[in-house]
Amino acid sequence: MPMPLVSVLMAVYNADRYVATTIESILAQSWTDFELIIINDGSTDRSASILDHYASQDARLRVLHRENQGIPCTRNQLVRLAEAELLAWIDADDVALPDRLALQVEFMQQHPAVVCLGSSFELIDARGRRLTHLQVPLTDMEIQPQLLAGHAALFQPCAMLRRSVVQQVGGYDESMGQAEDLDLWLRLGEVGQLANLPHCLIQYRLHADSVSEQDCQFQRQKALEACQRAWQRRGIQGQFEAGEPWRPSSDRRSQQQFILKYGWWAFNYRQRRTALIYGLKAIIKLPLNRESWRLFGCALLKPLRDPLPPDTVRCS
């Protein structure tokens, strides 16, 4: 088989609820010159059988099963297994829109100085309900200051990288668990340019089982460490700004506030039914809270407006 132009890489751990949808979104890409490499990182659910089923149906898919070793180690092993020069990441619970690979390959071919390319993305919930579209900074000059302040200006499941440059900077630092992507972006930004496409190429799933939702505090601590390392390497005095989590804690008030956020996102995105669902969720969480009832009432009765312009994402 000729070497593909793109290696799509996916780490899977107990993702049987979503992984079939994710795989199908890759196999349905308009750009077809790719291999899809998946490591099953010790899943204990039905993920292994789902992966084997798809591998038996499409020769572009390679699956490796092994014991659990964690995300950073798995990412590095996937890079070593890749045969293509362009690496495209996808998480096992997200959805790639049909032209994701085609648009990113075209941009990377036209901009050889860019070593890491992300994109805008749409947020969906655990059931695939659309919440909002988040815009991202587009140019290297916009992205780098945000990364140096700890903001996620590039998102891992949207990223396309040049394999040779990833290897040049030493790959993912396995001691930087849950901020290993931010740490890599900062090191890549010291040898090449970073960019995002304005196109929405990924549906990014928010759900309670995601790694970033389970360990927000640890993730922020590691993000600070990644930034401090970059400040020292670059000889600059940085300021870490990513202090507030963008996922709820176990506190009922925190959970209700995020339910309201998702509900208003959906309402302003013209997703009335989803906004109603989140209004009810907020009422159930805190029945006496006025804001919960306000969201529900607006979602039920208020006319929908044209969608608001996408926000520029500044998520910690």
Foldseek 3Di string as FASTA:
>chain_A
DDAFQEEEEEEDAQLVLAQLQAVVLVCLAPDHRYAYEYEDQAHPDCVVVSLVVVVVVDVSYHYHYDYHDADQVRQVVRLVVHRHQKYAYAYRRKHFHRHLVVVVVVVCVVDVQAFKEFAWAWEAENVRHTQATAFADFWQVRQQLLLLQLFCRHDRNRMMGGSVLCVVLPHFDPVLPLCSVSLSVLSSSVRGIYGYYHDHGMHHYDYCPDPCQVPVPSNSVSSVVSSVVSCVVVVHDTHHDQDDALHADPDLVSVLVNLLVSLVSCQLCVNLVSNLVSLVVSCVSPVPDPSSVVSNVCSVDPDGDHHDPHHHDGHD
